[in-house]
């Protein structure tokens, strides 16, 4: 019984912590292959506080969570993406308090040469 109670406390604690995170979706231009996506994912995974990082090169979406107390701003996101060698085109943030913030173009970005007539970056 004691183990069960401890388990419930841990589960509720984990839920509370995840509920206190802001969820970001950033639309990134320049991701042309799975290796590009892995590189960007690694850059964001290496940053303190950022978790649940996923990058999809087919849509140009970078998704991650950040603790609410950090209040990451769009200018910081843009800087991080640009330092990794890509172009941020837009972002949406679902704040833990229920607010939603938007910036720029909010649409999937096809890699050059796959679904558009642009040339790939290699």
PDB file of N, CA and C in Angstrom:
ATOM      1  N   UNK A   1       0.829  -1.195   0.000  1.00  0.00           N
ATOM      2  CA  UNK A   1       0.000   0.000   0.000  1.00  0.00           C
ATOM      3  C   UNK A   1       0.873   1.259   0.000  1.00  0.00           C
ATOM      4  N   UNK A   2       1.938   1.243   0.791  1.00  0.00           N
ATOM      5  CA  UNK A   2       2.828   2.390   0.862  1.00  0.00           C
ATOM      6  C   UNK A   2       3.475   2.647  -0.506  1.00  0.00           C
ATOM      7  N   UNK A   3       3.874   1.588  -1.186  1.00  0.00           N
ATOM      8  CA  UNK A   3       4.472   1.717  -2.513  1.00  0.00           C
ATOM      9  C   UNK A   3       3.472   2.309  -3.498  1.00  0.00           C
ATOM     10  N   UNK A   4       2.227   1.889  -3.411  1.00  0.00           N
ATOM     11  CA  UNK A   4       1.182   2.402  -4.293  1.00  0.00           C
ATOM     12  C   UNK A   4       0.979   3.901  -4.085  1.00  0.00           C
ATOM     13  N   UNK A   5       0.958   4.343  -2.859  1.00  0.00           N
ATOM     14  CA  UNK A   5       0.774   5.764  -2.544  1.00  0.00           C
ATOM     15  C   UNK A   5       1.955   6.571  -3.075  1.00  0.00           C
ATOM     16  N   UNK A   6       3.160   6.064  -2.912  1.00  0.00           N
ATOM     17  CA  UNK A   6       4.342   6.755  -3.427  1.00  0.00           C
ATOM     18  C   UNK A   6       4.267   6.839  -4.949  1.00  0.00           C
ATOM     19  N   UNK A   7       3.838   5.760  -5.593  1.00  0.00           N
ATOM     20  CA  UNK A   7       3.708   5.744  -7.043  1.00  0.00           C
ATOM     21  C   UNK A   7       2.708   6.809  -7.505  1.00  0.00           C
ATOM     22  N   UNK A   8       1.573   6.914  -6.833  1.00  0.00           N
ATOM     23  CA  UNK A   8       0.561   7.912  -7.195  1.00  0.00           C
ATOM     24  C   UNK A   8       1.116   9.322  -7.024  1.00  0.00           C
ATOM     25  N   UNK A   9       1.843   9.568  -5.973  1.00  0.00           N
ATOM     26  CA  UNK A   9       2.434  10.891  -5.741  1.00  0.00           C
ATOM     27  C   UNK A   9       3.413  11.226  -6.866  1.00  0.00           C
ATOM     28  N   UNK A  10       4.214  10.249  -7.274  1.00  0.00           N
ATOM     29  CA  UNK A  10       5.172  10.470  -8.363  1.00  0.00           C
ATOM     30  C   UNK A  10       4.455  10.779  -9.680  1.00  0.00           C
ATOM     31  N   UNK A  11       3.409  10.038  -9.981  1.00  0.00           N
ATOM     32  CA  UNK A  11       2.657  10.250 -11.219  1.00  0.00           C
ATOM     33  C   UNK A  11       2.004  11.631 -11.206  1.00  0.00           C
ATOM     34  N   UNK A  12       1.389  11.987 -10.108  1.00  0.00           N
ATOM     35  CA  UNK A  12       0.754  13.304 -10.011  1.00  0.00           C
ATOM     36  C   UNK A  12       1.788  14.419 -10.086  1.00  0.00           C
ATOM     37  N   UNK A  13       2.937  14.208  -9.468  1.00  0.00           N
ATOM     38  CA  UNK A  13       4.018  15.193  -9.521  1.00  0.00           C
ATOM     39  C   UNK A  13       4.515  15.393 -10.938  1.00  0.00           C
ATOM     40  N   UNK A  14       4.694  14.307 -11.674  1.00  0.00           N
ATOM     41  CA  UNK A  14       5.142  14.396 -13.065  1.00  0.00           C
ATOM     42  C   UNK A  14       4.092  15.112 -13.915  1.00  0.00           C
ATOM     43  N   UNK A  15       2.817  14.810 -13.685  1.00  0.00           N
ATOM     44  CA  UNK A  15       1.752  15.478 -14.414  1.00  0.00           C
ATOM     45  C   UNK A  15       1.759  16.978 -14.121  1.00  0.00           C
ATOM     46  N   UNK A  16       1.933  17.352 -12.860  1.00  0.00           N
ATOM     47  CA  UNK A  16       1.935  18.755 -12.477  1.00  0.00           C
ATOM     48  C   UNK A  16       3.085  19.487 -13.159  1.00  0.00           C
ATOM     49  N   UNK A  17       4.258  18.889 -13.178  1.00  0.00           N
ATOM     50  CA  UNK A  17       5.419  19.519 -13.800  1.00  0.00           C
ATOM     51  C   UNK A  17       5.187  19.691 -15.291  1.00  0.00           C
ATOM     52  N   UNK A  18       4.659  18.670 -15.981  1.00  0.00           N
ATOM     53  CA  UNK A  18       4.421  18.798 -17.412  1.00  0.00           C
ATOM     54  C   UNK A  18       3.324  19.819 -17.696  1.00  0.00           C
ATOM     55  N   UNK A  19       2.380  19.971 -16.788  1.00  0.00           N
ATOM     56  CA  UNK A  19       1.315  20.954 -16.964  1.00  0.00           C
ATOM     57  C   UNK A  19       1.847  22.372 -16.791  1.00  0.00           C
ATOM     58  N   UNK A  20       3.011  22.520 -16.198  1.00  0.00           N
ATOM     59  CA  UNK A  20       3.619  23.824 -15.971  1.00  0.00           C
ATOM     60  C   UNK A  20       4.628  24.175 -17.054  1.00  0.00           C
ATOM     61  N   UNK A  21       4.467  23.604 -18.233  1.00  0.00           N
ATOM     62  CA  UNK A  21       5.391  23.859 -19.335  1.00  0.00           C
ATOM     63  C   UNK A  21       4.657  24.526 -20.490  1.00  0.00           C
ATOM     64  N   UNK A  22       5.362  25.412 -21.180  1.00  0.00           N
ATOM     65  CA  UNK A  22       4.850  26.014 -22.405  1.00  0.00           C
ATOM     66  C   UNK A  22       5.259  25.113 -23.564  1.00  0.00           C
ATOM     67  N   UNK A  23       4.386  24.981 -24.551  1.00  0.00           N
ATOM     68  CA  UNK A  23       4.632  24.113 -25.707  1.00  0.00           C
ATOM     69  C   UNK A  23       4.841  24.991 -26.936  1.00  0.00           C
ATOM     70  N   UNK A  24       5.979  24.829 -27.597  1.00  0.00           N
ATOM     71  CA  UNK A  24       6.352  25.643 -28.741  1.00  0.00           C
ATOM     72  C   UNK A  24       6.306  24.830 -30.037  1.00  0.00           C
ATOM     73  N   UNK A  25       5.813  25.437 -31.106  1.00  0.00           N
ATOM     74  CA  UNK A  25       5.935  24.889 -32.457  1.00  0.00           C
ATOM     75  C   UNK A  25       6.553  25.993 -33.294  1.00  0.00           C
ATOM     76  N   UNK A  26       7.721  25.709 -33.865  1.00  0.00           N
ATOM     77  CA  UNK A  26       8.444  26.686 -34.674  1.00  0.00           C
ATOM     78  C   UNK A  26       8.521  26.149 -36.097  1.00  0.00           C
ATOM     79  N   UNK A  27       8.210  26.987 -37.068  1.00  0.00           N
ATOM     80  CA  UNK A  27       8.286  26.618 -38.473  1.00  0.00           C
ATOM     81  C   UNK A  27       9.634  27.096 -39.014  1.00  0.00           C
ATOM     82  N   UNK A  28      10.446  26.131 -39.459  1.00  0.00           N
ATOM     83  CA  UNK A  28      11.836  26.390 -39.820  1.00  0.00           C
ATOM     84  C   UNK A  28      12.067  26.108 -41.297  1.00  0.00           C
ATOM     85  N   UNK A  29      12.721  27.047 -41.967  1.00  0.00           N
ATOM     86  CA  UNK A  29      13.065  26.872 -43.376  1.00  0.00           C
ATOM     87  C   UNK A  29      14.521  26.420 -43.483  1.00  0.00           C
ATOM     88  N   UNK A  30      14.776  25.498 -44.420  1.00  0.00           N
ATOM     89  CA  UNK A  30      16.143  25.069 -44.669  1.00  0.00           C
ATOM     90  C   UNK A  30      16.459  23.649 -44.240  1.00  0.00           C
ATOM     91  N   UNK A  31      15.503  22.973 -43.643  1.00  0.00           N
ATOM     92  CA  UNK A  31      15.700  21.570 -43.256  1.00  0.00           C
ATOM     93  C   UNK A  31      15.479  20.713 -44.492  1.00  0.00           C
ATOM     94  N   UNK A  32      16.539  20.144 -45.039  1.00  0.00           N
ATOM     95  CA  UNK A  32      16.425  19.426 -46.300  1.00  0.00           C
ATOM     96  C   UNK A  32      16.539  17.913 -46.177  1.00  0.00           C
ATOM     97  N   UNK A  33      16.890  17.416 -44.991  1.00  0.00           N
ATOM     98  CA  UNK A  33      17.087  15.967 -44.857  1.00  0.00           C
ATOM     99  C   UNK A  33      16.966  15.548 -43.388  1.00  0.00           C
ATOM    100  N   UNK A  34      16.896  14.255 -43.133  1.00  0.00           N
ATOM    101  CA  UNK A  34      16.796  13.776 -41.755  1.00  0.00           C
ATOM    102  C   UNK A  34      18.003  14.197 -40.886  1.00  0.00           C
ATOM    103  N   UNK A  35      19.176  14.292 -41.492  1.00  0.00           N
ATOM    104  CA  UNK A  35      20.360  14.696 -40.725  1.00  0.00           C
ATOM    105  C   UNK A  35      20.249  16.153 -40.273  1.00  0.00           C
ATOM    106  N   UNK A  36      19.660  16.993 -41.111  1.00  0.00           N
ATOM    107  CA  UNK A  36      19.429  18.395 -40.722  1.00  0.00           C
ATOM    108  C   UNK A  36      18.528  18.441 -39.491  1.00  0.00           C
ATOM    109  N   UNK A  37      17.469  17.645 -39.546  1.00  0.00           N
ATOM    110  CA  UNK A  37      16.516  17.602 -38.437  1.00  0.00           C
ATOM    111  C   UNK A  37      17.198  17.122 -37.163  1.00  0.00           C
ATOM    112  N   UNK A  38      18.016  16.068 -37.274  1.00  0.00           N
ATOM    113  CA  UNK A  38      18.724  15.538 -36.098  1.00  0.00           C
ATOM    114  C   UNK A  38      19.674  16.580 -35.518  1.00  0.00           C
ATOM    115  N   UNK A  39      20.355  17.323 -36.396  1.00  0.00           N
ATOM    116  CA  UNK A  39      21.283  18.363 -35.929  1.00  0.00           C
ATOM    117  C   UNK A  39      20.569  19.457 -35.155  1.00  0.00           C
ATOM    118  N   UNK A  40      19.440  19.922 -35.690  1.00  0.00           N
ATOM    119  CA  UNK A  40      18.667  20.962 -35.010  1.00  0.00           C
ATOM    120  C   UNK A  40      18.106  20.430 -33.699  1.00  0.00           C
ATOM    121  N   UNK A  41      17.625  19.200 -33.730  1.00  0.00           N
ATOM    122  CA  UNK A  41      17.099  18.564 -32.527  1.00  0.00           C
ATOM    123  C   UNK A  41      18.183  18.482 -31.450  1.00  0.00           C
ATOM    124  N   UNK A  42      19.387  18.117 -31.838  1.00  0.00           N
ATOM    125  CA  UNK A  42      20.510  18.023 -30.890  1.00  0.00           C
ATOM    126  C   UNK A  42      20.831  19.372 -30.275  1.00  0.00           C
ATOM    127  N   UNK A  43      20.823  20.428 -31.105  1.00  0.00           N
ATOM    128  CA  UNK A  43      21.102  21.779 -30.594  1.00  0.00           C
ATOM    129  C   UNK A  43      20.098  22.163 -29.516  1.00  0.00           C
ATOM    130  N   UNK A  44      18.811  21.904 -29.771  1.00  0.00           N
ATOM    131  CA  UNK A  44      17.780  22.278 -28.805  1.00  0.00           C
ATOM    132  C   UNK A  44      17.780  21.356 -27.597  1.00  0.00           C
ATOM    133  N   UNK A  45      18.062  20.074 -27.794  1.00  0.00           N
ATOM    134  CA  UNK A  45      18.144  19.148 -26.661  1.00  0.00           C
ATOM    135  C   UNK A  45      19.263  19.534 -25.700  1.00  0.00           C
ATOM    136  N   UNK A  46      20.283  20.194 -26.210  1.00  0.00           N
ATOM    137  CA  UNK A  46      21.415  20.586 -25.381  1.00  0.00           C
ATOM    138  C   UNK A  46      21.181  21.840 -24.554  1.00  0.00           C
ATOM    139  N   UNK A  47      20.047  22.475 -24.719  1.00  0.00           N
ATOM    140  CA  UNK A  47      19.765  23.715 -23.993  1.00  0.00           C
ATOM    141  C   UNK A  47      19.041  23.427 -22.691  1.00  0.00           C
ATOM    142  N   UNK A  48      19.485  24.075 -21.652  1.00  0.00           N
ATOM    143  CA  UNK A  48      18.926  23.849 -20.323  1.00  0.00           C
ATOM    144  C   UNK A  48      17.436  24.181 -20.274  1.00  0.00           C
ATOM    145  N   UNK A  49      16.665  23.231 -19.755  1.00  0.00           N
ATOM    146  CA  UNK A  49      15.239  23.442 -19.548  1.00  0.00           C
ATOM    147  C   UNK A  49      14.356  22.989 -20.700  1.00  0.00           C
ATOM    148  N   UNK A  50      14.919  22.898 -21.894  1.00  0.00           N
ATOM    149  CA  UNK A  50      14.121  22.485 -23.047  1.00  0.00           C
ATOM    150  C   UNK A  50      13.979  20.969 -23.033  1.00  0.00           C
ATOM    151  N   UNK A  51      12.753  20.501 -23.290  1.00  0.00           N
ATOM    152  CA  UNK A  51      12.502  19.055 -23.293  1.00  0.00           C
ATOM    153  C   UNK A  51      11.542  18.686 -24.417  1.00  0.00           C
ATOM    154  N   UNK A  52      11.388  17.390 -24.621  1.00  0.00           N
ATOM    155  CA  UNK A  52      10.449  16.855 -25.611  1.00  0.00           C
ATOM    156  C   UNK A  52      10.658  17.461 -27.001  1.00  0.00           C
ATOM    157  N   UNK A  53      11.930  17.573 -27.411  1.00  0.00           N
ATOM    158  CA  UNK A  53      12.256  18.177 -28.704  1.00  0.00           C
ATOM    159  C   UNK A  53      12.013  17.182 -29.830  1.00  0.00           C
ATOM    160  N   UNK A  54      11.293  17.637 -30.852  1.00  0.00           N
ATOM    161  CA  UNK A  54      11.053  16.830 -32.048  1.00  0.00           C
ATOM    162  C   UNK A  54      11.145  17.751 -33.261  1.00  0.00           C
ATOM    163  N   UNK A  55      11.846  17.287 -34.296  1.00  0.00           N
ATOM    164  CA  UNK A  55      11.978  18.052 -35.529  1.00  0.00           C
ATOM    165  C   UNK A  55      11.556  17.165 -36.693  1.00  0.00           C
ATOM    166  N   UNK A  56      10.714  17.709 -37.565  1.00  0.00           N
ATOM    167  CA  UNK A  56      10.271  16.992 -38.753  1.00  0.00           C
ATOM    168  C   UNK A  56      10.725  17.784 -39.979  1.00  0.00           C
ATOM    169  N   UNK A  57      11.730  17.264 -40.691  1.00  0.00           N
ATOM    170  CA  UNK A  57      12.254  18.000 -41.842  1.00  0.00           C
ATOM    171  C   UNK A  57      11.235  18.084 -42.984  1.00  0.00           C
ATOM    172  N   UNK A  58      10.295  17.152 -43.051  1.00  0.00           N
ATOM    173  CA  UNK A  58       9.305  17.148 -44.134  1.00  0.00           C
ATOM    174  C   UNK A  58       8.341  18.325 -44.018  1.00  0.00           C
ATOM    175  N   UNK A  59       8.062  18.750 -42.807  1.00  0.00           N
ATOM    176  CA  UNK A  59       7.136  19.865 -42.592  1.00  0.00           C
ATOM    177  C   UNK A  59       7.848  21.124 -42.106  1.00  0.00           C
ATOM    178  N   UNK A  60       9.102  20.984 -41.701  1.00  0.00           N
ATOM    179  CA  UNK A  60       9.840  22.127 -41.168  1.00  0.00           C
ATOM    180  C   UNK A  60       9.429  22.489 -39.752  1.00  0.00           C
ATOM    181  N   UNK A  61       8.807  21.552 -39.039  1.00  0.00           N
ATOM    182  CA  UNK A  61       8.329  21.842 -37.682  1.00  0.00           C
ATOM    183  C   UNK A  61       9.347  21.422 -36.620  1.00  0.00           C
ATOM    184  N   UNK A  62       9.605  22.348 -35.720  1.00  0.00           N
ATOM    185  CA  UNK A  62      10.396  22.107 -34.512  1.00  0.00           C
ATOM    186  C   UNK A  62       9.432  22.265 -33.347  1.00  0.00           C
ATOM    187  N   UNK A  63       9.269  21.228 -32.547  1.00  0.00           N
ATOM    188  CA  UNK A  63       8.339  21.258 -31.419  1.00  0.00           C
ATOM    189  C   UNK A  63       9.124  20.950 -30.153  1.00  0.00           C
ATOM    190  N   UNK A  64       8.880  21.724 -29.089  1.00  0.00           N
ATOM    191  CA  UNK A  64       9.540  21.465 -27.814  1.00  0.00           C
ATOM    192  C   UNK A  64       8.757  22.087 -26.666  1.00  0.00           C
ATOM    193  N   UNK A  65       9.122  21.694 -25.454  1.00  0.00           N
ATOM    194  CA  UNK A  65       8.512  22.243 -24.240  1.00  0.00           C
ATOM    195  C   UNK A  65       9.569  22.976 -23.433  1.00  0.00           C
ATOM    196  N   UNK A  66       9.116  23.949 -22.672  1.00  0.00           N
ATOM    197  CA  UNK A  66       9.998  24.742 -21.820  1.00  0.00           C
ATOM    198  C   UNK A  66       9.228  25.099 -20.557  1.00  0.00           C
ATOM    199  N   UNK A  67       9.858  24.994 -19.388  1.00  0.00           N
ATOM    200  CA  UNK A  67       9.152  25.361 -18.156  1.00  0.00           C
ATOM    201  C   UNK A  67       8.585  26.776 -18.230  1.00  0.00           C
ATOM    202  N   UNK A  68       7.385  26.931 -17.725  1.00  0.00           N
ATOM    203  CA  UNK A  68       6.689  28.210 -17.757  1.00  0.00           C
ATOM    204  C   UNK A  68       7.495  29.339 -17.131  1.00  0.00           C
ATOM    205  N   UNK A  69       8.181  29.033 -16.069  1.00  0.00           N
ATOM    206  CA  UNK A  69       8.931  30.090 -15.362  1.00  0.00           C
ATOM    207  C   UNK A  69       9.998  30.734 -16.231  1.00  0.00           C
ATOM    208  N   UNK A  70      10.430  30.062 -17.292  1.00  0.00           N
ATOM    209  CA  UNK A  70      11.479  30.585 -18.178  1.00  0.00           C
ATOM    210  C   UNK A  70      10.954  31.676 -19.115  1.00  0.00           C
ATOM    211  N   UNK A  71       9.692  31.594 -19.551  1.00  0.00           N
ATOM    212  CA  UNK A  71       9.064  32.575 -20.444  1.00  0.00           C
ATOM    213  C   UNK A  71       9.941  32.894 -21.664  1.00  0.00           C
ATOM    214  N   UNK A  72      10.307  31.866 -22.403  1.00  0.00           N
ATOM    215  CA  UNK A  72      11.102  32.011 -23.623  1.00  0.00           C
ATOM    216  C   UNK A  72      10.350  32.884 -24.615  1.00  0.00           C
ATOM    217  N   UNK A  73      11.036  33.836 -25.221  1.00  0.00           N
ATOM    218  CA  UNK A  73      10.428  34.779 -26.150  1.00  0.00           C
ATOM    219  C   UNK A  73      10.763  34.424 -27.599  1.00  0.00           C
ATOM    220  N   UNK A  74       9.985  34.943 -28.554  1.00  0.00           N
ATOM    221  CA  UNK A  74      10.197  34.656 -29.969  1.00  0.00           C
ATOM    222  C   UNK A  74      11.585  35.085 -30.433  1.00  0.00           C
ATOM    223  N   UNK A  75      12.069  36.223 -29.946  1.00  0.00           N
ATOM    224  CA  UNK A  75      13.391  36.692 -30.368  1.00  0.00           C
ATOM    225  C   UNK A  75      14.479  35.696 -29.970  1.00  0.00           C
ATOM    226  N   UNK A  76      14.337  35.068 -28.816  1.00  0.00           N
ATOM    227  CA  UNK A  76      15.307  34.066 -28.372  1.00  0.00           C
ATOM    228  C   UNK A  76      15.230  32.810 -29.242  1.00  0.00           C
ATOM    229  N   UNK A  77      14.015  32.401 -29.582  1.00  0.00           N
ATOM    230  CA  UNK A  77      13.827  31.232 -30.445  1.00  0.00           C
ATOM    231  C   UNK A  77      14.468  31.492 -31.803  1.00  0.00           C
ATOM    232  N   UNK A  78      14.189  32.662 -32.371  1.00  0.00           N
ATOM    233  CA  UNK A  78      14.755  33.018 -33.671  1.00  0.00           C
ATOM    234  C   UNK A  78      16.276  32.957 -33.639  1.00  0.00           C
ATOM    235  N   UNK A  79      16.853  33.499 -32.601  1.00  0.00           N
ATOM    236  CA  UNK A  79      18.308  33.504 -32.456  1.00  0.00           C
ATOM    237  C   UNK A  79      18.868  32.087 -32.390  1.00  0.00           C
ATOM    238  N   UNK A  80      18.218  31.215 -31.628  1.00  0.00           N
ATOM    239  CA  UNK A  80      18.670  29.830 -31.493  1.00  0.00           C
ATOM    240  C   UNK A  80      18.597  29.088 -32.825  1.00  0.00           C
ATOM    241  N   UNK A  81      17.508  29.284 -33.559  1.00  0.00           N
ATOM    242  CA  UNK A  81      17.342  28.616 -34.858  1.00  0.00           C
ATOM    243  C   UNK A  81      18.380  29.143 -35.852  1.00  0.00           C
ATOM    244  N   UNK A  82      18.588  30.461 -35.865  1.00  0.00           N
ATOM    245  CA  UNK A  82      19.558  31.056 -36.784  1.00  0.00           C
ATOM    246  C   UNK A  82      20.982  30.608 -36.468  1.00  0.00           C
ATOM    247  N   UNK A  83      21.318  30.498 -35.194  1.00  0.00           N
ATOM    248  CA  UNK A  83      22.653  30.021 -34.808  1.00  0.00           C
ATOM    249  C   UNK A  83      22.884  28.588 -35.271  1.00  0.00           C
ATOM    250  N   UNK A  84      21.812  27.820 -35.406  1.00  0.00           N
ATOM    251  CA  UNK A  84      21.917  26.432 -35.883  1.00  0.00           C
ATOM    252  C   UNK A  84      22.015  26.393 -37.412  1.00  0.00           C
ATOM    253  N   UNK A  85      21.854  27.548 -38.073  1.00  0.00           N
ATOM    254  CA  UNK A  85      22.011  27.613 -39.524  1.00  0.00           C
ATOM    255  C   UNK A  85      20.728  27.562 -40.324  1.00  0.00           C
ATOM    256  N   UNK A  86      19.589  27.810 -39.683  1.00  0.00           N
ATOM    257  CA  UNK A  86      18.301  27.731 -40.371  1.00  0.00           C
ATOM    258  C   UNK A  86      17.546  29.041 -40.218  1.00  0.00           C
ATOM    259  N   UNK A  87      16.427  29.162 -40.939  1.00  0.00           N
ATOM    260  CA  UNK A  87      15.639  30.389 -40.921  1.00  0.00           C
ATOM    261  C   UNK A  87      14.295  30.148 -40.253  1.00  0.00           C
ATOM    262  N   UNK A  88      14.039  30.822 -39.132  1.00  0.00           N
ATOM    263  CA  UNK A  88      12.717  30.703 -38.505  1.00  0.00           C
ATOM    264  C   UNK A  88      11.707  31.520 -39.293  1.00  0.00           C
ATOM    265  N   UNK A  89      10.580  30.908 -39.622  1.00  0.00           N
ATOM    266  CA  UNK A  89       9.560  31.602 -40.406  1.00  0.00           C
ATOM    267  C   UNK A  89       8.341  31.981 -39.576  1.00  0.00           C
ATOM    268  N   UNK A  90       8.115  31.285 -38.476  1.00  0.00           N
ATOM    269  CA  UNK A  90       6.964  31.564 -37.637  1.00  0.00           C
ATOM    270  C   UNK A  90       6.960  30.641 -36.435  1.00  0.00           C
ATOM    271  N   UNK A  91       6.126  30.973 -35.470  1.00  0.00           N
ATOM    272  CA  UNK A  91       6.046  30.154 -34.258  1.00  0.00           C
ATOM    273  C   UNK A  91       4.705  30.368 -33.576  1.00  0.00           C
ATOM    274  N   UNK A  92       4.329  29.352 -32.833  1.00  0.00           N
ATOM    275  CA  UNK A  92       3.136  29.444 -31.999  1.00  0.00           C
ATOM    276  C   UNK A  92       3.495  28.839 -30.646  1.00  0.00           C
ATOM    277  N   UNK A  93       3.058  29.510 -29.600  1.00  0.00           N
ATOM    278  CA  UNK A  93       3.331  29.045 -28.240  1.00  0.00           C
ATOM    279  C   UNK A  93       2.008  28.847 -27.524  1.00  0.00           C
ATOM    280  N   UNK A  94       1.858  27.657 -26.975  1.00  0.00           N
ATOM    281  CA  UNK A  94       0.708  27.360 -26.124  1.00  0.00           C
ATOM    282  C   UNK A  94       1.213  27.461 -24.693  1.00  0.00           C
ATOM    283  N   UNK A  95       0.904  28.575 -24.048  1.00  0.00           N
ATOM    284  CA  UNK A  95       1.367  28.811 -22.679  1.00  0.00           C
ATOM    285  C   UNK A  95       0.565  27.949 -21.709  1.00  0.00           C
ATOM    286  N   UNK A  96       1.196  27.568 -20.613  1.00  0.00           N
ATOM    287  CA  UNK A  96       0.561  26.721 -19.606  1.00  0.00           C
ATOM    288  C   UNK A  96      -0.662  27.407 -18.994  1.00  0.00           C
ATOM    289  N   UNK A  97      -0.696  28.738 -19.029  1.00  0.00           N
ATOM    290  CA  UNK A  97      -1.827  29.470 -18.455  1.00  0.00           C
ATOM    291  C   UNK A  97      -3.018  29.554 -19.406  1.00  0.00           C
ATOM    292  N   UNK A  98      -2.909  28.884 -20.580  1.00  0.00           N
ATOM    293  CA  UNK A  98      -4.021  28.864 -21.522  1.00  0.00           C
ATOM    294  C   UNK A  98      -3.914  29.875 -22.649  1.00  0.00           C
ATOM    295  N   UNK A  99      -2.972  30.806 -22.558  1.00  0.00           N
ATOM    296  CA  UNK A  99      -2.808  31.804 -23.612  1.00  0.00           C
ATOM    297  C   UNK A  99      -2.052  31.199 -24.798  1.00  0.00           C
ATOM    298  N   UNK A 100      -2.336  31.733 -25.981  1.00  0.00           N
ATOM    299  CA  UNK A 100      -1.645  31.322 -27.192  1.00  0.00           C
ATOM    300  C   UNK A 100      -1.021  32.562 -27.817  1.00  0.00           C
ATOM    301  N   UNK A 101       0.243  32.451 -28.200  1.00  0.00           N
ATOM    302  CA  UNK A 101       0.956  33.545 -28.853  1.00  0.00           C
ATOM    303  C   UNK A 101       1.415  33.067 -30.220  1.00  0.00           C
ATOM    304  N   UNK A 102       1.337  33.968 -31.219  1.00  0.00           N
ATOM    305  CA  UNK A 102       1.721  33.608 -32.583  1.00  0.00           C
ATOM    306  C   UNK A 102       2.677  34.651 -33.145  1.00  0.00           C
ATOM    307  N   UNK A 103       3.560  34.179 -34.035  1.00  0.00           N
ATOM    308  CA  UNK A 103       4.496  35.051 -34.719  1.00  0.00           C
ATOM    309  C   UNK A 103       4.755  34.507 -36.124  1.00  0.00           C
ATOM    310  N   UNK A 104       4.731  35.355 -37.131  1.00  0.00           N
ATOM    311  CA  UNK A 104       5.132  34.982 -38.482  1.00  0.00           C
ATOM    312  C   UNK A 104       4.190  34.023 -39.187  1.00  0.00           C
ATOM    313  N   UNK A 105       4.775  33.260 -40.135  1.00  0.00           N
ATOM    314  CA  UNK A 105       4.019  32.313 -40.956  1.00  0.00           C
ATOM    315  C   UNK A 105       3.815  31.006 -40.201  1.00  0.00           C
ATOM    316  N   UNK A 106       2.567  30.584 -40.077  1.00  0.00           N
ATOM    317  CA  UNK A 106       2.240  29.367 -39.343  1.00  0.00           C
ATOM    318  C   UNK A 106       1.761  28.295 -40.301  1.00  0.00           C
ATOM    319  N   UNK A 107       2.699  27.773 -41.088  1.00  0.00           N
ATOM    320  CA  UNK A 107       2.349  26.703 -42.019  1.00  0.00           C
ATOM    321  C   UNK A 107       3.566  25.808 -42.225  1.00  0.00           C
ATOM    322  N   UNK A 108       3.278  24.573 -42.587  1.00  0.00           N
ATOM    323  CA  UNK A 108       4.352  23.622 -42.852  1.00  0.00           C
ATOM    324  C   UNK A 108       5.183  24.111 -44.034  1.00  0.00           C
ATOM    325  N   UNK A 109       6.482  23.833 -43.962  1.00  0.00           N
ATOM    326  CA  UNK A 109       7.412  24.260 -44.996  1.00  0.00           C
ATOM    327  C   UNK A 109       8.013  23.020 -45.639  1.00  0.00           C
ATOM    328  N   UNK A 110       7.713  22.824 -46.920  1.00  0.00           N
ATOM    329  CA  UNK A 110       8.270  21.662 -47.626  1.00  0.00           C
ATOM    330  C   UNK A 110       9.743  21.907 -47.922  1.00  0.00           C
ATOM    331  N   UNK A 111      10.586  20.879 -47.757  1.00  0.00           N
ATOM    332  CA  UNK A 111      12.003  21.046 -48.094  1.00  0.00           C
ATOM    333  C   UNK A 111      12.171  21.344 -49.576  1.00  0.00           C
ATOM    334  N   UNK A 112      13.135  22.176 -49.946  1.00  0.00           N
ATOM    335  CA  UNK A 112      13.368  22.472 -51.353  1.00  0.00           C
ATOM    336  C   UNK A 112      13.609  21.193 -52.141  1.00  0.00           C
ATOM    337  N   UNK A 113      13.021  21.113 -53.333  1.00  0.00           N
ATOM    338  CA  UNK A 113      13.247  19.969 -54.188  1.00  0.00           C
ATOM    339  C   UNK A 113      12.287  18.813 -53.938  1.00  0.00           C
ATOM    340  N   UNK A 114      11.619  18.769 -52.802  1.00  0.00           N
ATOM    341  CA  UNK A 114      10.693  17.664 -52.507  1.00  0.00           C
ATOM    342  C   UNK A 114       9.291  17.991 -52.984  1.00  0.00           C
ATOM    343  N   UNK A 115       8.777  19.115 -52.519  1.00  0.00           N
ATOM    344  CA  UNK A 115       7.409  19.475 -52.840  1.00  0.00           C
ATOM    345  C   UNK A 115       7.317  20.857 -53.478  1.00  0.00           C
ATOM    346  N   UNK A 116       8.462  21.499 -53.630  1.00  0.00           N
ATOM    347  CA  UNK A 116       8.474  22.831 -54.220  1.00  0.00           C
ATOM    348  C   UNK A 116       9.476  22.827 -55.359  1.00  0.00           C
ATOM    349  N   UNK A 117       9.574  23.945 -56.050  1.00  0.00           N
ATOM    350  CA  UNK A 117      10.480  24.014 -57.186  1.00  0.00           C
ATOM    351  C   UNK A 117      11.849  24.559 -56.802  1.00  0.00           C
ATOM    352  N   UNK A 118      12.076  24.842 -55.503  1.00  0.00           N
ATOM    353  CA  UNK A 118      13.361  25.365 -55.050  1.00  0.00           C
ATOM    354  C   UNK A 118      14.462  24.329 -55.140  1.00  0.00           C
ATOM    355  N   UNK A 119      15.681  24.815 -55.111  1.00  0.00           N
ATOM    356  CA  UNK A 119      16.826  23.907 -55.159  1.00  0.00           C
ATOM    357  C   UNK A 119      17.256  23.575 -53.740  1.00  0.00           C
ATOM    358  N   UNK A 120      17.670  22.333 -53.508  1.00  0.00           N
ATOM    359  CA  UNK A 120      18.112  21.896 -52.191  1.00  0.00           C
ATOM    360  C   UNK A 120      19.425  22.530 -51.789  1.00  0.00           C
ATOM    361  N   UNK A 121      19.665  22.595 -50.503  1.00  0.00           N
ATOM    362  CA  UNK A 121      20.900  23.160 -49.968  1.00  0.00           C
ATOM    363  C   UNK A 121      21.981  22.117 -49.818  1.00  0.00           C
ATOM    364  N   UNK A 122      21.620  20.845 -49.987  1.00  0.00           N
ATOM    365  CA  UNK A 122      22.606  19.774 -49.926  1.00  0.00           C
ATOM    366  C   UNK A 122      22.702  19.177 -48.649  1.00  0.00           C
TER     367      UNK A 122
END
